[in-house]
N, C-alpha and C. Protein backbone atom coordinates (compact mmCIF):
# COMPACT_ATOMS: atom_id res chain seq x y z
N UNK A 1 118.84 -8.73 -90.84
CA UNK A 1 118.05 -7.91 -89.93
C UNK A 1 118.49 -8.17 -88.49
N UNK A 2 118.75 -7.10 -87.75
CA UNK A 2 119.13 -7.24 -86.35
C UNK A 2 117.93 -7.63 -85.50
N UNK A 3 118.21 -8.29 -84.39
CA UNK A 3 117.14 -8.84 -83.55
C UNK A 3 116.12 -7.80 -83.10
N UNK A 4 116.59 -6.60 -82.74
CA UNK A 4 115.70 -5.59 -82.18
C UNK A 4 115.23 -4.56 -83.22
N UNK A 5 115.53 -4.79 -84.49
CA UNK A 5 115.23 -3.78 -85.51
C UNK A 5 113.74 -3.50 -85.61
N UNK A 6 112.92 -4.55 -85.75
CA UNK A 6 111.48 -4.36 -85.84
C UNK A 6 110.93 -3.81 -84.53
N UNK A 7 111.35 -4.40 -83.44
CA UNK A 7 110.88 -4.00 -82.11
C UNK A 7 111.06 -2.50 -81.89
N UNK A 8 112.24 -1.99 -82.21
CA UNK A 8 112.54 -0.59 -81.98
C UNK A 8 111.73 0.34 -82.88
N UNK A 9 111.29 -0.16 -84.02
CA UNK A 9 110.50 0.65 -84.93
C UNK A 9 109.04 0.78 -84.50
N UNK A 10 108.54 -0.20 -83.74
CA UNK A 10 107.10 -0.24 -83.44
C UNK A 10 106.78 -0.10 -81.96
N UNK A 11 107.78 0.08 -81.12
CA UNK A 11 107.57 0.00 -79.68
C UNK A 11 106.89 1.21 -79.06
N UNK A 12 106.94 2.38 -79.71
CA UNK A 12 106.48 3.60 -79.06
C UNK A 12 105.34 4.27 -79.82
N UNK A 13 104.11 4.12 -79.32
CA UNK A 13 102.99 4.79 -79.98
C UNK A 13 102.96 6.28 -79.65
N UNK A 14 102.39 7.10 -80.54
CA UNK A 14 102.29 8.53 -80.24
C UNK A 14 101.19 8.79 -79.22
N UNK A 15 101.21 9.95 -78.64
CA UNK A 15 100.24 10.29 -77.60
C UNK A 15 98.81 10.19 -78.10
N UNK A 16 98.58 10.59 -79.35
CA UNK A 16 97.22 10.59 -79.88
C UNK A 16 96.66 9.18 -80.09
N UNK A 17 97.51 8.17 -80.02
CA UNK A 17 97.05 6.79 -80.18
C UNK A 17 96.70 6.14 -78.84
N UNK A 18 96.81 6.91 -77.76
CA UNK A 18 96.60 6.36 -76.43
C UNK A 18 95.33 6.92 -75.80
N UNK A 19 94.69 6.08 -74.97
CA UNK A 19 93.51 6.51 -74.24
C UNK A 19 93.50 5.80 -72.90
N UNK A 20 93.26 6.54 -71.85
CA UNK A 20 93.21 5.93 -70.52
C UNK A 20 91.85 5.27 -70.32
N UNK A 21 91.88 4.04 -69.81
CA UNK A 21 90.65 3.30 -69.55
C UNK A 21 90.03 3.86 -68.29
N UNK A 22 88.74 4.26 -68.40
CA UNK A 22 88.10 4.97 -67.30
C UNK A 22 87.20 4.14 -66.41
N UNK A 23 86.97 2.88 -66.75
CA UNK A 23 86.06 2.07 -65.94
C UNK A 23 86.46 0.60 -66.02
N UNK A 24 85.84 -0.20 -65.16
CA UNK A 24 86.09 -1.64 -65.17
C UNK A 24 87.36 -2.03 -64.44
N UNK A 25 87.71 -3.31 -64.58
CA UNK A 25 88.87 -3.84 -63.87
C UNK A 25 90.18 -3.24 -64.36
N UNK A 26 90.20 -2.72 -65.59
CA UNK A 26 91.42 -2.14 -66.16
C UNK A 26 91.46 -0.62 -66.01
N UNK A 27 90.60 -0.10 -65.16
CA UNK A 27 90.56 1.35 -64.97
C UNK A 27 91.94 1.89 -64.60
N UNK A 28 92.32 2.99 -65.29
CA UNK A 28 93.61 3.60 -65.03
C UNK A 28 94.72 3.11 -65.95
N UNK A 29 94.49 1.98 -66.63
CA UNK A 29 95.47 1.46 -67.57
C UNK A 29 95.38 2.22 -68.89
N UNK A 30 96.35 2.04 -69.75
CA UNK A 30 96.39 2.74 -71.04
C UNK A 30 95.98 1.81 -72.17
N UNK A 31 95.02 2.27 -72.97
CA UNK A 31 94.55 1.52 -74.13
C UNK A 31 95.21 2.09 -75.38
N UNK A 32 95.65 1.21 -76.26
CA UNK A 32 96.32 1.63 -77.50
C UNK A 32 95.36 1.46 -78.67
N UNK A 33 95.25 2.46 -79.50
CA UNK A 33 94.32 2.42 -80.64
C UNK A 33 94.67 1.27 -81.59
N UNK A 34 93.71 0.38 -81.89
CA UNK A 34 93.96 -0.69 -82.86
C UNK A 34 94.37 -0.13 -84.22
N UNK A 35 93.79 1.01 -84.58
CA UNK A 35 94.09 1.59 -85.89
C UNK A 35 95.55 1.99 -85.99
N UNK A 36 96.12 2.45 -84.87
CA UNK A 36 97.55 2.78 -84.88
C UNK A 36 98.38 1.52 -85.06
N UNK A 37 97.97 0.43 -84.43
CA UNK A 37 98.71 -0.83 -84.60
C UNK A 37 98.76 -1.22 -86.09
N UNK A 38 97.62 -1.12 -86.75
CA UNK A 38 97.58 -1.47 -88.17
C UNK A 38 98.44 -0.50 -88.98
N UNK A 39 98.39 0.77 -88.58
CA UNK A 39 99.18 1.78 -89.30
C UNK A 39 100.68 1.49 -89.20
N UNK A 40 101.16 1.21 -87.97
CA UNK A 40 102.59 1.00 -87.80
C UNK A 40 103.04 -0.29 -88.47
N UNK A 41 102.17 -1.31 -88.49
CA UNK A 41 102.50 -2.54 -89.21
C UNK A 41 102.62 -2.26 -90.72
N UNK A 42 101.73 -1.39 -91.21
CA UNK A 42 101.78 -1.02 -92.63
C UNK A 42 103.02 -0.20 -92.94
N UNK A 43 103.40 0.70 -92.03
CA UNK A 43 104.59 1.52 -92.24
C UNK A 43 105.85 0.67 -92.32
N UNK A 44 105.92 -0.37 -91.50
CA UNK A 44 107.13 -1.19 -91.43
C UNK A 44 107.15 -2.28 -92.49
N UNK A 45 106.00 -2.93 -92.71
CA UNK A 45 105.98 -4.10 -93.60
C UNK A 45 105.28 -3.88 -94.93
N UNK A 46 104.39 -2.90 -95.02
CA UNK A 46 103.61 -2.71 -96.23
C UNK A 46 102.14 -2.94 -95.95
N UNK A 47 101.26 -2.76 -96.95
CA UNK A 47 99.82 -2.88 -96.75
C UNK A 47 99.42 -4.27 -96.25
N UNK A 48 98.33 -4.30 -95.51
CA UNK A 48 97.79 -5.58 -95.04
C UNK A 48 97.41 -6.44 -96.24
N UNK A 49 97.82 -7.68 -96.21
CA UNK A 49 97.59 -8.60 -97.32
C UNK A 49 98.79 -8.70 -98.24
N UNK A 50 99.66 -7.67 -98.19
CA UNK A 50 100.86 -7.66 -99.01
C UNK A 50 102.12 -7.75 -98.16
N UNK A 51 102.18 -6.91 -97.13
CA UNK A 51 103.35 -6.90 -96.26
C UNK A 51 103.12 -7.64 -94.96
N UNK A 52 101.87 -7.70 -94.55
CA UNK A 52 101.49 -8.48 -93.37
C UNK A 52 100.05 -8.96 -93.52
N UNK A 53 99.73 -10.03 -92.85
CA UNK A 53 98.39 -10.59 -92.95
C UNK A 53 98.13 -11.45 -91.72
N UNK A 54 96.88 -11.89 -91.59
CA UNK A 54 96.56 -12.78 -90.47
C UNK A 54 95.47 -13.76 -90.88
N UNK A 55 95.48 -14.89 -90.23
CA UNK A 55 94.46 -15.91 -90.42
C UNK A 55 93.68 -16.09 -89.13
N UNK A 56 92.35 -16.21 -89.25
CA UNK A 56 91.54 -16.52 -88.08
C UNK A 56 91.49 -18.05 -87.98
N UNK A 57 92.18 -18.58 -87.01
CA UNK A 57 92.28 -20.04 -86.84
C UNK A 57 91.01 -20.59 -86.21
N UNK A 58 90.47 -19.88 -85.23
CA UNK A 58 89.31 -20.41 -84.51
C UNK A 58 88.56 -19.29 -83.80
N UNK A 59 87.23 -19.38 -83.79
CA UNK A 59 86.36 -18.53 -82.99
C UNK A 59 85.51 -19.41 -82.10
N UNK A 60 85.35 -19.08 -80.83
CA UNK A 60 84.51 -19.88 -79.96
C UNK A 60 84.01 -19.04 -78.79
N UNK A 61 83.03 -19.58 -78.09
CA UNK A 61 82.47 -18.88 -76.94
C UNK A 61 82.50 -19.78 -75.71
N UNK A 62 82.49 -19.16 -74.56
CA UNK A 62 82.46 -19.89 -73.30
C UNK A 62 81.56 -19.15 -72.32
N UNK A 63 80.86 -19.94 -71.49
CA UNK A 63 79.96 -19.36 -70.51
C UNK A 63 80.73 -18.90 -69.28
N UNK A 64 80.31 -17.74 -68.76
CA UNK A 64 80.86 -17.25 -67.50
C UNK A 64 79.81 -17.35 -66.41
N UNK A 65 80.03 -16.64 -65.31
CA UNK A 65 79.10 -16.68 -64.19
C UNK A 65 77.91 -15.76 -64.44
N UNK A 66 76.77 -16.10 -63.85
CA UNK A 66 75.56 -15.26 -63.86
C UNK A 66 75.09 -14.89 -65.26
N UNK A 67 75.18 -15.82 -66.19
CA UNK A 67 74.67 -15.57 -67.54
C UNK A 67 75.62 -14.86 -68.47
N UNK A 68 76.81 -14.51 -68.00
CA UNK A 68 77.79 -13.84 -68.84
C UNK A 68 78.36 -14.84 -69.84
N UNK A 69 78.62 -14.36 -71.06
CA UNK A 69 79.20 -15.22 -72.09
C UNK A 69 80.34 -14.48 -72.77
N UNK A 70 81.44 -15.21 -73.02
CA UNK A 70 82.62 -14.61 -73.62
C UNK A 70 82.85 -15.13 -75.03
N UNK A 71 83.43 -14.25 -75.87
CA UNK A 71 83.85 -14.63 -77.22
C UNK A 71 85.36 -14.67 -77.25
N UNK A 72 85.92 -15.69 -77.90
CA UNK A 72 87.36 -15.82 -78.01
C UNK A 72 87.76 -16.02 -79.46
N UNK A 73 88.99 -15.59 -79.76
CA UNK A 73 89.52 -15.75 -81.12
C UNK A 73 90.99 -16.14 -81.05
N UNK A 74 91.37 -17.04 -81.97
CA UNK A 74 92.77 -17.42 -82.14
C UNK A 74 93.17 -17.00 -83.55
N UNK A 75 94.19 -16.14 -83.66
CA UNK A 75 94.67 -15.70 -84.96
C UNK A 75 96.15 -16.04 -85.11
N UNK A 76 96.57 -16.16 -86.33
CA UNK A 76 97.99 -16.30 -86.66
C UNK A 76 98.40 -15.11 -87.52
N UNK A 77 99.43 -14.41 -87.07
CA UNK A 77 99.92 -13.22 -87.77
C UNK A 77 101.15 -13.60 -88.60
N UNK A 78 101.20 -13.10 -89.83
CA UNK A 78 102.35 -13.32 -90.72
C UNK A 78 102.85 -11.97 -91.22
N UNK A 79 104.15 -11.87 -91.46
CA UNK A 79 104.71 -10.62 -91.96
C UNK A 79 105.88 -10.92 -92.90
N UNK A 80 106.12 -9.98 -93.80
CA UNK A 80 107.18 -10.13 -94.78
C UNK A 80 108.52 -9.72 -94.18
N UNK A 81 109.53 -10.52 -94.39
CA UNK A 81 110.89 -10.14 -94.02
C UNK A 81 111.39 -9.14 -95.07
N UNK A 82 111.65 -7.87 -94.67
CA UNK A 82 112.04 -6.85 -95.65
C UNK A 82 113.34 -7.18 -96.39
N UNK A 83 114.17 -8.04 -95.82
CA UNK A 83 115.46 -8.31 -96.44
C UNK A 83 115.36 -9.28 -97.62
N UNK A 84 114.47 -10.28 -97.50
CA UNK A 84 114.39 -11.26 -98.59
C UNK A 84 112.97 -11.47 -99.11
N UNK A 85 112.02 -10.62 -98.65
CA UNK A 85 110.63 -10.69 -99.10
C UNK A 85 109.98 -12.06 -98.86
N UNK A 86 110.43 -12.78 -97.85
CA UNK A 86 109.81 -14.07 -97.51
C UNK A 86 108.86 -13.88 -96.33
N UNK A 87 107.81 -14.71 -96.31
CA UNK A 87 106.84 -14.62 -95.22
C UNK A 87 107.41 -15.24 -93.95
N UNK A 88 107.20 -14.55 -92.85
CA UNK A 88 107.59 -15.07 -91.53
C UNK A 88 106.34 -15.31 -90.69
N UNK A 89 106.43 -16.23 -89.77
CA UNK A 89 105.30 -16.54 -88.92
C UNK A 89 105.02 -18.04 -88.95
N UNK A 90 103.93 -18.46 -88.37
CA UNK A 90 102.91 -17.60 -87.76
C UNK A 90 103.29 -17.12 -86.36
N UNK A 91 102.80 -15.91 -86.02
CA UNK A 91 102.89 -15.40 -84.66
C UNK A 91 101.48 -15.52 -84.07
N UNK A 92 101.25 -16.43 -83.13
CA UNK A 92 99.89 -16.65 -82.63
C UNK A 92 99.44 -15.59 -81.65
N UNK A 93 98.15 -15.40 -81.59
CA UNK A 93 97.56 -14.50 -80.60
C UNK A 93 96.16 -14.96 -80.25
N UNK A 94 95.84 -15.00 -78.99
CA UNK A 94 94.50 -15.36 -78.52
C UNK A 94 93.94 -14.18 -77.74
N UNK A 95 92.73 -13.77 -78.12
CA UNK A 95 92.10 -12.63 -77.46
C UNK A 95 90.65 -12.92 -77.15
N UNK A 96 90.06 -12.05 -76.34
CA UNK A 96 88.68 -12.28 -75.96
C UNK A 96 87.91 -10.99 -75.77
N UNK A 97 86.60 -11.14 -75.74
CA UNK A 97 85.71 -10.02 -75.47
C UNK A 97 84.42 -10.60 -74.88
N UNK A 98 83.42 -9.75 -74.72
CA UNK A 98 82.17 -10.19 -74.09
C UNK A 98 81.05 -10.26 -75.11
N UNK A 99 80.37 -11.39 -75.14
CA UNK A 99 79.17 -11.55 -75.96
C UNK A 99 77.93 -11.13 -75.18
N UNK A 100 77.85 -11.59 -73.94
CA UNK A 100 76.74 -11.24 -73.06
C UNK A 100 77.35 -10.71 -71.75
N UNK A 101 77.07 -9.45 -71.44
CA UNK A 101 77.62 -8.83 -70.24
C UNK A 101 76.52 -8.59 -69.22
N UNK A 102 76.88 -8.63 -67.95
CA UNK A 102 75.93 -8.33 -66.88
C UNK A 102 76.07 -6.88 -66.49
N UNK A 103 74.99 -6.11 -66.70
CA UNK A 103 75.00 -4.70 -66.37
C UNK A 103 73.98 -4.42 -65.27
N UNK A 104 73.92 -3.17 -64.83
CA UNK A 104 73.04 -2.81 -63.72
C UNK A 104 71.57 -3.07 -64.04
N UNK A 105 71.20 -2.97 -65.33
CA UNK A 105 69.80 -3.18 -65.73
C UNK A 105 69.54 -4.61 -66.19
N UNK A 106 70.56 -5.46 -66.12
CA UNK A 106 70.39 -6.85 -66.55
C UNK A 106 71.44 -7.27 -67.54
N UNK A 107 71.19 -8.34 -68.27
CA UNK A 107 72.13 -8.86 -69.25
C UNK A 107 72.06 -8.05 -70.54
N UNK A 108 73.23 -7.81 -71.15
CA UNK A 108 73.32 -7.07 -72.40
C UNK A 108 74.09 -7.90 -73.42
N UNK A 109 73.51 -8.08 -74.60
CA UNK A 109 74.16 -8.86 -75.66
C UNK A 109 74.84 -7.92 -76.65
N UNK A 110 76.06 -8.28 -77.04
CA UNK A 110 76.82 -7.47 -77.99
C UNK A 110 76.94 -8.22 -79.31
N UNK A 111 76.72 -7.51 -80.41
CA UNK A 111 76.88 -8.13 -81.73
C UNK A 111 78.30 -7.92 -82.27
N UNK A 112 79.18 -7.36 -81.45
CA UNK A 112 80.55 -7.11 -81.88
C UNK A 112 81.55 -7.93 -81.08
N UNK A 113 81.06 -8.91 -80.32
CA UNK A 113 81.94 -9.68 -79.44
C UNK A 113 83.07 -10.38 -80.18
N UNK A 114 82.75 -11.05 -81.30
CA UNK A 114 83.79 -11.79 -82.03
C UNK A 114 84.75 -10.84 -82.74
N UNK A 115 84.19 -9.72 -83.25
CA UNK A 115 85.06 -8.73 -83.91
C UNK A 115 86.07 -8.18 -82.92
N UNK A 116 85.60 -7.86 -81.71
CA UNK A 116 86.49 -7.31 -80.69
C UNK A 116 87.48 -8.36 -80.19
N UNK A 117 87.05 -9.64 -80.20
CA UNK A 117 87.96 -10.72 -79.80
C UNK A 117 89.09 -10.86 -80.81
N UNK A 118 88.77 -10.72 -82.11
CA UNK A 118 89.81 -10.79 -83.14
C UNK A 118 90.77 -9.62 -83.01
N UNK A 119 90.21 -8.42 -82.76
CA UNK A 119 91.06 -7.24 -82.57
C UNK A 119 92.00 -7.44 -81.39
N UNK A 120 91.47 -8.02 -80.31
CA UNK A 120 92.29 -8.27 -79.12
C UNK A 120 93.36 -9.31 -79.42
N UNK A 121 92.99 -10.35 -80.17
CA UNK A 121 93.95 -11.40 -80.51
C UNK A 121 95.08 -10.84 -81.38
N UNK A 122 94.74 -9.94 -82.30
CA UNK A 122 95.77 -9.32 -83.13
C UNK A 122 96.72 -8.46 -82.29
N UNK A 123 96.16 -7.77 -81.30
CA UNK A 123 97.03 -6.95 -80.45
C UNK A 123 98.01 -7.83 -79.68
N UNK A 124 97.55 -9.02 -79.27
CA UNK A 124 98.43 -9.95 -78.55
C UNK A 124 99.55 -10.44 -79.47
N UNK A 125 99.20 -10.79 -80.70
CA UNK A 125 100.20 -11.25 -81.65
C UNK A 125 101.20 -10.15 -81.98
N UNK A 126 100.69 -8.94 -82.22
CA UNK A 126 101.56 -7.82 -82.57
C UNK A 126 102.46 -7.42 -81.40
N UNK A 127 101.94 -7.63 -80.19
CA UNK A 127 102.74 -7.35 -79.00
C UNK A 127 104.02 -8.18 -79.00
N UNK A 128 103.95 -9.40 -79.54
CA UNK A 128 105.14 -10.26 -79.59
C UNK A 128 106.20 -9.70 -80.53
N UNK A 129 105.78 -8.86 -81.49
CA UNK A 129 106.73 -8.21 -82.39
C UNK A 129 107.26 -6.90 -81.80
N UNK A 130 106.63 -6.48 -80.69
CA UNK A 130 107.08 -5.24 -80.03
C UNK A 130 106.15 -4.07 -80.25
N UNK A 131 105.00 -4.28 -80.90
CA UNK A 131 104.08 -3.17 -81.15
C UNK A 131 103.57 -2.62 -79.81
N UNK A 132 103.82 -1.32 -79.58
CA UNK A 132 103.43 -0.63 -78.34
C UNK A 132 104.09 -1.23 -77.11
N UNK A 133 105.25 -1.84 -77.27
CA UNK A 133 105.91 -2.53 -76.15
C UNK A 133 106.21 -1.61 -74.98
N UNK A 134 106.55 -0.36 -75.26
CA UNK A 134 106.91 0.56 -74.17
C UNK A 134 105.72 0.86 -73.26
N UNK A 135 104.51 0.79 -73.80
CA UNK A 135 103.31 0.98 -72.99
C UNK A 135 103.17 -0.16 -72.00
N UNK A 136 103.29 -1.39 -72.52
CA UNK A 136 103.10 -2.57 -71.67
C UNK A 136 104.23 -2.73 -70.66
N UNK A 137 105.38 -2.19 -70.99
CA UNK A 137 106.51 -2.26 -70.06
C UNK A 137 106.46 -1.14 -69.03
N UNK A 138 105.46 -0.24 -69.16
CA UNK A 138 105.32 0.85 -68.22
C UNK A 138 106.35 1.95 -68.38
N UNK A 139 106.95 2.03 -69.57
CA UNK A 139 108.02 3.01 -69.79
C UNK A 139 107.52 4.31 -70.41
N UNK A 140 106.45 4.22 -71.17
CA UNK A 140 106.05 5.36 -72.01
C UNK A 140 104.62 5.75 -71.70
N UNK A 141 104.34 7.03 -71.44
CA UNK A 141 102.98 7.46 -71.16
C UNK A 141 102.42 8.35 -72.27
N UNK A 142 103.14 8.38 -73.40
CA UNK A 142 102.67 9.17 -74.54
C UNK A 142 103.40 10.48 -74.71
N UNK A 143 104.05 10.96 -73.65
CA UNK A 143 104.75 12.24 -73.75
C UNK A 143 106.19 12.17 -73.23
N UNK A 144 106.44 11.23 -72.31
CA UNK A 144 107.80 11.12 -71.77
C UNK A 144 108.01 9.69 -71.28
N UNK A 145 109.26 9.32 -71.13
CA UNK A 145 109.57 8.01 -70.58
C UNK A 145 109.42 8.06 -69.07
N UNK A 146 108.63 7.14 -68.54
CA UNK A 146 108.35 7.11 -67.11
C UNK A 146 109.58 6.81 -66.28
N UNK A 147 110.52 6.05 -66.86
CA UNK A 147 111.69 5.68 -66.08
C UNK A 147 112.88 6.58 -66.37
N UNK A 148 112.65 7.63 -67.16
CA UNK A 148 113.75 8.57 -67.42
C UNK A 148 113.91 9.48 -66.23
N UNK A 149 115.09 9.52 -65.68
CA UNK A 149 115.33 10.32 -64.49
C UNK A 149 115.61 11.76 -64.90
N UNK A 150 114.78 12.63 -64.39
CA UNK A 150 115.00 14.04 -64.69
C UNK A 150 116.23 14.54 -63.94
N UNK A 151 116.95 15.41 -64.60
CA UNK A 151 118.15 15.96 -63.98
C UNK A 151 117.76 16.72 -62.72
N UNK A 152 118.38 16.40 -61.61
CA UNK A 152 118.02 17.08 -60.37
C UNK A 152 118.32 18.57 -60.46
N UNK A 153 117.37 19.36 -60.00
CA UNK A 153 117.57 20.79 -60.03
C UNK A 153 118.31 21.21 -58.76
N UNK A 154 119.40 21.89 -58.96
CA UNK A 154 120.21 22.30 -57.83
C UNK A 154 119.52 23.44 -57.08
N UNK A 155 119.43 23.26 -55.77
CA UNK A 155 118.88 24.33 -54.95
C UNK A 155 119.93 25.44 -54.84
N UNK A 156 119.49 26.67 -54.93
CA UNK A 156 120.45 27.76 -54.78
C UNK A 156 121.07 27.70 -53.38
N UNK A 157 122.36 27.76 -53.33
CA UNK A 157 123.06 27.64 -52.05
C UNK A 157 122.86 28.91 -51.23
N UNK A 158 122.61 28.70 -49.93
CA UNK A 158 122.42 29.82 -49.03
C UNK A 158 123.74 30.10 -48.32
N UNK A 159 124.01 31.39 -48.02
CA UNK A 159 125.25 31.72 -47.31
C UNK A 159 125.27 31.09 -45.93
N UNK A 160 126.43 30.60 -45.55
CA UNK A 160 126.58 29.93 -44.26
C UNK A 160 126.72 30.97 -43.15
N UNK A 161 126.64 30.47 -41.92
CA UNK A 161 126.78 31.33 -40.75
C UNK A 161 128.08 32.11 -40.83
N UNK A 162 128.00 33.40 -40.59
CA UNK A 162 129.17 34.26 -40.75
C UNK A 162 130.05 34.24 -39.50
N UNK A 163 131.26 34.77 -39.65
CA UNK A 163 132.20 34.88 -38.52
C UNK A 163 131.63 35.78 -37.44
N UNK A 164 130.98 36.88 -37.85
CA UNK A 164 130.39 37.80 -36.88
C UNK A 164 129.30 37.10 -36.06
N UNK A 165 128.53 36.23 -36.73
CA UNK A 165 127.47 35.52 -36.01
C UNK A 165 128.06 34.52 -35.02
N UNK A 166 129.17 33.87 -35.40
CA UNK A 166 129.84 32.94 -34.48
C UNK A 166 130.36 33.71 -33.25
N UNK A 167 130.85 34.93 -33.49
CA UNK A 167 131.33 35.76 -32.38
C UNK A 167 130.17 36.13 -31.46
N UNK A 168 129.00 36.43 -32.06
CA UNK A 168 127.83 36.77 -31.27
C UNK A 168 127.41 35.59 -30.38
N UNK A 169 127.57 34.36 -30.88
CA UNK A 169 127.22 33.19 -30.09
C UNK A 169 128.18 33.02 -28.91
N UNK A 170 129.45 33.30 -29.18
CA UNK A 170 130.45 33.24 -28.09
C UNK A 170 130.17 34.32 -27.06
N UNK A 171 129.79 35.51 -27.54
CA UNK A 171 129.47 36.61 -26.63
C UNK A 171 128.27 36.28 -25.76
N UNK A 172 127.35 35.45 -26.32
CA UNK A 172 126.17 35.07 -25.55
C UNK A 172 126.57 34.26 -24.32
N UNK A 173 127.61 33.43 -24.46
CA UNK A 173 128.11 32.67 -23.32
C UNK A 173 128.70 33.60 -22.26
N UNK A 174 129.47 34.59 -22.73
CA UNK A 174 130.09 35.55 -21.81
C UNK A 174 129.01 36.34 -21.09
N UNK A 175 128.00 36.80 -21.85
CA UNK A 175 126.92 37.58 -21.24
C UNK A 175 126.17 36.76 -20.19
N UNK A 176 126.14 35.44 -20.40
CA UNK A 176 125.45 34.57 -19.44
C UNK A 176 126.33 34.20 -18.27
N UNK A 177 127.58 34.74 -18.26
CA UNK A 177 128.49 34.47 -17.16
C UNK A 177 129.15 33.12 -17.27
N UNK A 178 129.22 32.57 -18.48
CA UNK A 178 129.80 31.25 -18.69
C UNK A 178 131.13 31.38 -19.44
N UNK A 179 132.00 30.44 -19.18
CA UNK A 179 133.29 30.44 -19.88
C UNK A 179 133.11 29.94 -21.31
N UNK A 180 133.98 30.45 -22.21
CA UNK A 180 133.93 29.98 -23.61
C UNK A 180 134.78 28.72 -23.71
N UNK A 181 134.21 27.62 -23.31
CA UNK A 181 134.90 26.34 -23.38
C UNK A 181 134.20 25.46 -24.42
N UNK A 182 134.93 24.43 -24.87
CA UNK A 182 134.34 23.50 -25.83
C UNK A 182 133.08 22.86 -25.28
N UNK A 183 133.09 22.54 -23.98
CA UNK A 183 131.93 21.90 -23.36
C UNK A 183 130.72 22.81 -23.42
N UNK A 184 130.93 24.11 -23.09
CA UNK A 184 129.81 25.06 -23.11
C UNK A 184 129.35 25.34 -24.55
N UNK A 185 130.30 25.36 -25.47
CA UNK A 185 129.93 25.55 -26.87
C UNK A 185 129.07 24.40 -27.37
N UNK A 186 129.41 23.16 -26.96
CA UNK A 186 128.63 21.98 -27.36
C UNK A 186 127.23 22.04 -26.77
N UNK A 187 127.12 22.48 -25.49
CA UNK A 187 125.81 22.60 -24.86
C UNK A 187 124.96 23.62 -25.61
N UNK A 188 125.58 24.75 -25.97
CA UNK A 188 124.86 25.79 -26.70
C UNK A 188 124.40 25.28 -28.07
N UNK A 189 125.31 24.58 -28.75
CA UNK A 189 124.99 24.05 -30.08
C UNK A 189 123.86 23.03 -30.02
N UNK A 190 123.90 22.14 -29.00
CA UNK A 190 122.90 21.10 -28.86
C UNK A 190 121.53 21.69 -28.55
N UNK A 191 121.50 22.67 -27.67
CA UNK A 191 120.22 23.25 -27.26
C UNK A 191 119.55 24.00 -28.41
N UNK A 192 120.34 24.70 -29.22
CA UNK A 192 119.76 25.55 -30.26
C UNK A 192 119.90 24.98 -31.68
N UNK A 193 120.40 23.75 -31.76
CA UNK A 193 120.49 23.10 -33.08
C UNK A 193 121.49 23.74 -34.00
N UNK A 194 122.61 24.14 -33.47
CA UNK A 194 123.65 24.77 -34.29
C UNK A 194 124.58 23.68 -34.83
N UNK A 195 124.77 23.66 -36.13
CA UNK A 195 125.65 22.67 -36.76
C UNK A 195 126.59 23.38 -37.72
N UNK A 196 127.46 22.56 -38.33
CA UNK A 196 128.38 23.12 -39.33
C UNK A 196 127.63 23.61 -40.56
N UNK A 197 126.40 23.12 -40.77
CA UNK A 197 125.63 23.49 -41.95
C UNK A 197 124.61 24.59 -41.67
N UNK A 198 124.65 25.17 -40.49
CA UNK A 198 123.72 26.24 -40.16
C UNK A 198 123.98 27.44 -41.07
N UNK A 199 122.92 27.92 -41.71
CA UNK A 199 123.06 29.04 -42.64
C UNK A 199 123.00 30.36 -41.87
N UNK A 200 123.37 31.43 -42.56
CA UNK A 200 123.36 32.76 -41.94
C UNK A 200 121.93 33.13 -41.54
N UNK A 201 120.97 32.75 -42.38
CA UNK A 201 119.57 33.06 -42.07
C UNK A 201 119.11 32.32 -40.82
N UNK A 202 119.48 31.04 -40.71
CA UNK A 202 119.12 30.24 -39.54
C UNK A 202 119.82 30.76 -38.29
N UNK A 203 121.09 31.15 -38.45
CA UNK A 203 121.86 31.66 -37.31
C UNK A 203 121.24 32.94 -36.76
N UNK A 204 120.70 33.77 -37.64
CA UNK A 204 120.07 35.01 -37.21
C UNK A 204 118.87 34.72 -36.30
N UNK A 205 118.08 33.71 -36.69
CA UNK A 205 116.92 33.32 -35.87
C UNK A 205 117.38 32.78 -34.52
N UNK A 206 118.44 31.95 -34.55
CA UNK A 206 118.96 31.35 -33.32
C UNK A 206 119.47 32.42 -32.36
N UNK A 207 120.18 33.39 -32.89
CA UNK A 207 120.73 34.45 -32.05
C UNK A 207 119.62 35.24 -31.36
N UNK A 208 118.53 35.53 -32.11
CA UNK A 208 117.39 36.23 -31.51
C UNK A 208 116.76 35.39 -30.41
N UNK A 209 116.71 34.06 -30.64
CA UNK A 209 116.16 33.17 -29.64
C UNK A 209 117.03 33.17 -28.38
N UNK A 210 118.34 33.16 -28.56
CA UNK A 210 119.28 33.18 -27.42
C UNK A 210 119.11 34.47 -26.61
N UNK A 211 118.94 35.60 -27.34
CA UNK A 211 118.76 36.88 -26.66
C UNK A 211 117.49 36.84 -25.80
N UNK A 212 116.42 36.26 -26.35
CA UNK A 212 115.17 36.16 -25.60
C UNK A 212 115.35 35.27 -24.38
N UNK A 213 116.05 34.12 -24.59
CA UNK A 213 116.26 33.20 -23.48
C UNK A 213 117.16 33.83 -22.40
N UNK A 214 118.14 34.61 -22.83
CA UNK A 214 119.05 35.27 -21.88
C UNK A 214 118.27 36.25 -21.00
N UNK A 215 117.34 36.97 -21.65
CA UNK A 215 116.52 37.92 -20.89
C UNK A 215 115.66 37.19 -19.86
N UNK A 216 115.31 35.93 -20.18
CA UNK A 216 114.50 35.15 -19.26
C UNK A 216 115.35 34.30 -18.34
N UNK A 217 116.68 34.40 -18.50
CA UNK A 217 117.59 33.65 -17.64
C UNK A 217 117.62 32.17 -17.95
N UNK A 218 117.37 31.81 -19.23
CA UNK A 218 117.27 30.38 -19.59
C UNK A 218 118.26 30.00 -20.69
N UNK A 219 119.39 30.66 -20.82
CA UNK A 219 120.27 30.39 -21.96
C UNK A 219 120.81 28.98 -21.94
N UNK A 220 121.22 28.46 -20.78
CA UNK A 220 121.70 27.06 -20.70
C UNK A 220 121.13 26.42 -19.44
């Protein structure tokens, strides 16, 4: 078995297995369905108890601030090596949840704290095998790879300033009683923002501006 074989099989959950967390400290993060984790483990290794299994090593609680209490679980995950049908592991995982939470109306006790702690511990252990790895790496949002660079869309090229328009700019100098010298051309270009990349559309606007300025005696 190649090193990344299992990882590559379990790293990308489908969009329907994902849910954005809407509240709390993890708001905005992506939650992965535990049921999908079990499904992908079953697809790769076989049914739970036959192809993969886990042991609950320890369950315990700890007090937090303001009456809050946490539940913790330590599990060991085992899985069958598909090549020789031997058990591999243990892969440890420690997870936690809340037994007593502080809410706006006071303290709230949960009867699912240890169950959720075990689920969390299993997700930690499975993460070491690569389960949903692309989510945790910030690469996958369920529909596309976040770090995949989209091919840049080429902007349609606009026609550049025409020869006739360049002649009109030179004529503007003559009309203003100025010589067509490089120095005067540079002054004209600097004042009106004329560059080598000036498009025909931009040049048309500039020429109209020059005509207006000439009428006001302000060309240079």
